[in-house]
Protein backbone atom coordinates (compact mmCIF):
# COMPACT_ATOMS: atom_id res chain seq x y z
CA GLY A 1 185.82 68.46 71.28
CA THR A 2 182.69 70.40 70.51
CA SER A 3 182.81 73.88 69.00
CA VAL A 4 180.16 76.51 68.34
CA ARG A 5 179.76 78.07 64.91
CA TRP A 6 177.67 81.26 64.56
CA CYS A 7 175.37 81.47 61.54
CA MET A 8 173.19 84.28 60.28
CA HIS A 9 169.98 83.17 58.60
CA LEU A 10 168.04 85.66 56.45
CA CYS A 11 164.26 86.01 56.76
CA TRP A 12 162.74 87.51 53.61
CA ARG A 13 159.59 89.52 52.96
CA ASP A 14 157.32 88.69 50.03
CA ASP A 15 158.77 91.65 48.09
CA GLY A 16 162.29 90.17 48.27
CA THR A 17 163.70 92.49 50.93
CA VAL A 18 165.32 91.19 54.10
CA HIS A 19 162.96 91.34 57.09
CA GLN A 20 165.46 90.22 59.72
CA PHE A 21 168.50 88.11 60.42
CA GLU A 22 168.47 85.23 62.86
CA LEU A 23 171.67 84.60 64.75
CA LEU A 24 171.90 80.84 65.17
CA SER A 25 174.32 78.55 66.96
CA ARG A 26 175.51 75.37 65.34
CA PHE A 27 177.48 72.78 67.26
CA GLU A 28 180.24 70.81 65.59
CA TYR A 29 181.90 67.71 66.94
CA GLY A 30 185.21 66.52 65.61
CA GLU A 31 185.82 66.92 61.90
CA GLY A 32 182.61 67.87 60.13
CA GLY A 33 180.20 66.24 62.55
CA GLU A 34 177.24 68.37 63.55
CA ILE A 35 175.21 67.92 66.72
CA SER A 36 171.53 68.82 66.70
CA PRO A 37 171.06 72.36 68.09
CA TYR A 38 167.82 71.25 69.75
CA ARG A 39 169.66 68.40 71.49
CA MET A 40 172.40 70.71 72.75
CA ILE A 41 169.96 73.39 73.93
CA THR A 42 167.73 70.93 75.79
CA MET A 43 170.82 69.40 77.39
CA ALA A 44 171.94 72.89 78.50
CA GLU A 45 168.46 73.44 79.93
CA ASP A 46 168.55 70.10 81.74
CA ILE A 47 171.92 70.78 83.39
CA ASP A 48 171.10 74.44 84.13
CA LEU A 49 173.69 75.97 81.79
CA ILE A 50 171.21 77.57 79.40
CA GLY A 51 171.29 80.99 81.07
CA ALA A 52 175.05 81.27 80.60
CA PHE A 53 174.72 80.09 77.00
CA ASP A 54 171.85 82.49 76.21
CA LEU A 55 173.84 85.36 77.72
CA ALA A 56 176.87 84.46 75.58
CA VAL A 57 174.64 84.40 72.50
CA ALA A 58 173.21 87.85 73.33
CA ARG A 59 176.73 89.22 73.82
CA LYS A 60 177.89 87.73 70.49
CA ALA A 61 174.78 89.09 68.73
CA ILE A 62 175.49 92.59 69.99
CA GLU A 63 179.14 92.34 68.89
CA ILE A 64 178.26 91.06 65.40
CA THR A 65 175.38 93.45 64.73
CA THR A 66 177.28 96.45 66.09
CA ALA A 67 180.19 95.70 63.75
CA PHE A 68 177.92 95.14 60.72
CA SER A 69 175.85 98.25 61.40
CA LYS A 70 178.96 100.44 61.28
CA GLU A 71 179.40 99.48 57.62
CA ARG A 72 175.76 99.82 56.50
CA PRO A 73 172.22 99.83 57.86
CA ILE A 74 171.04 96.31 58.68
CA PRO A 75 167.72 94.79 59.72
CA LYS A 76 167.33 93.53 63.26
CA SER A 77 168.82 90.20 64.24
CA ALA A 78 166.70 87.74 66.17
CA VAL A 79 168.33 86.12 69.20
CA ASN A 80 166.82 82.99 70.71
CA VAL A 81 166.24 82.85 74.45
CA SER A 82 165.16 79.72 76.28
CA GLY A 83 161.97 79.77 78.32
CA ASN A 84 164.18 78.68 81.23
CA SER A 85 166.36 81.76 80.87
CA ILE A 86 163.54 84.28 80.51
CA ALA A 87 162.05 82.86 83.72
CA ASN A 88 165.34 83.15 85.63
CA PRO A 89 165.84 86.42 87.60
CA ALA A 90 169.64 86.00 87.68
CA TYR A 91 169.77 85.67 83.88
CA LEU A 92 167.53 88.69 83.43
CA GLU A 93 169.68 90.81 85.74
CA GLN A 94 172.80 89.91 83.78
CA LEU A 95 171.02 90.49 80.46
CA HIS A 96 169.81 93.95 81.55
CA ARG A 97 173.35 94.80 82.68
CA LEU A 98 174.71 93.69 79.29
CA LEU A 99 172.07 95.58 77.30
CA SER A 100 172.50 98.79 79.30
CA GLY A 101 176.08 98.96 78.00
CA TYR A 102 174.81 99.18 74.40
CA PRO A 103 172.25 101.98 74.06
CA LYS A 104 171.55 101.17 70.39
CA ALA A 105 171.13 97.42 70.95
CA SER A 106 167.33 97.62 70.67
CA GLU A 107 167.77 98.93 67.12
CA LEU A 108 169.91 95.92 66.23
CA ILE A 109 168.48 92.87 67.99
CA MET A 110 165.18 91.36 69.04
CA PHE A 111 164.53 88.39 71.31
CA GLU A 112 162.72 85.20 70.37
CA ILE A 113 161.53 82.99 73.21
CA THR A 114 161.96 79.35 72.24
CA GLU A 115 159.66 76.51 73.19
CA SER A 116 162.17 73.86 74.13
CA ALA A 117 161.35 74.31 77.84
CA HIS A 118 157.90 74.71 79.35
CA ILE A 119 157.36 78.05 81.11
CA GLU A 120 155.58 77.58 84.43
CA ASP A 121 155.18 81.10 85.82
CA LEU A 122 153.69 82.93 82.85
CA GLU A 123 152.85 86.05 84.88
CA THR A 124 156.45 86.57 86.00
CA VAL A 125 157.78 85.81 82.52
CA ASN A 126 155.37 88.30 81.01
CA ALA A 127 156.63 90.97 83.45
CA SER A 128 160.18 90.20 82.27
CA ILE A 129 159.09 90.46 78.64
CA GLN A 130 157.48 93.83 79.33
CA LYS A 131 160.74 95.11 80.87
CA LEU A 132 162.58 94.17 77.66
CA ARG A 133 159.87 95.81 75.57
CA ALA A 134 160.08 98.96 77.75
CA MET A 135 163.80 99.07 76.87
CA GLY A 136 162.77 99.15 73.19
CA PHE A 137 163.33 95.49 72.32
CA GLU A 138 160.86 93.51 70.26
CA VAL A 139 160.02 90.11 71.73
CA CYS A 140 158.69 87.16 69.73
CA LEU A 141 157.31 83.77 70.59
CA ASP A 142 159.35 81.50 68.31
CA ASP A 143 158.09 78.41 66.46
CA PHE A 144 154.72 78.35 68.17
CA GLY A 145 153.28 74.86 68.04
CA ALA A 146 156.63 73.08 67.74
CA GLY A 147 157.39 72.52 71.41
CA ALA A 148 156.13 73.16 74.89
CA ALA A 149 153.99 76.25 74.24
CA SER A 150 150.25 76.20 74.29
CA PHE A 151 147.53 78.70 73.66
CA ASP A 152 148.01 79.67 77.32
CA TYR A 153 151.19 81.38 76.14
CA LEU A 154 149.22 83.48 73.68
CA ASN A 155 146.82 84.54 76.41
CA ALA A 156 149.46 85.29 79.04
CA LEU A 157 152.47 86.64 77.16
CA GLU A 158 152.28 90.08 75.55
CA VAL A 159 154.73 89.80 72.67
CA ASP A 160 155.25 91.73 69.45
CA VAL A 161 155.30 88.76 67.08
CA VAL A 162 154.24 85.11 67.11
CA LYS A 163 156.16 82.93 64.67
CA PHE A 164 154.28 79.74 63.90
CA ASP A 165 156.21 76.55 63.27
CA GLY A 166 156.27 75.62 59.57
CA PRO A 167 154.51 72.22 59.91
CA VAL A 168 151.75 73.84 61.99
CA VAL A 169 151.07 76.30 59.18
CA LYS A 170 151.13 73.54 56.53
CA ARG A 171 148.61 71.47 58.51
């Protein structure tokens, strides 16, 4: 069977301090076999399970960061959200319900919108982003240039950070 392993990736500043964590999902199959996260996420998008998965990731991120923050101050943890999820009113309602149960969550996590799925209704998605930002959450556009996003995203989505894909920066 397939299992999910949670990983925390550190993002460093030039001065050597930690800027943020990224909470990542890794999928293992059998003994030691790893399945591409991109492949699993796009499959979940294709079969309309991504909202449930993204909600589970947000819940796990809140649990992990809440536990860590009790021991010491920590930087924010970035949580990926599919473009399909951020465009889905049912997902957003469940996410808002989850977040309202954790008043300090905006101090612990931020959301990164991934580019694996193309966002059609940019105006509605931007309104959803602004609701998250009004709750105190930072929102990023993740790996710009790697997937479905275009410069239309930059014009239509008011986000706090745009993270460019590594190969785009190198080119």
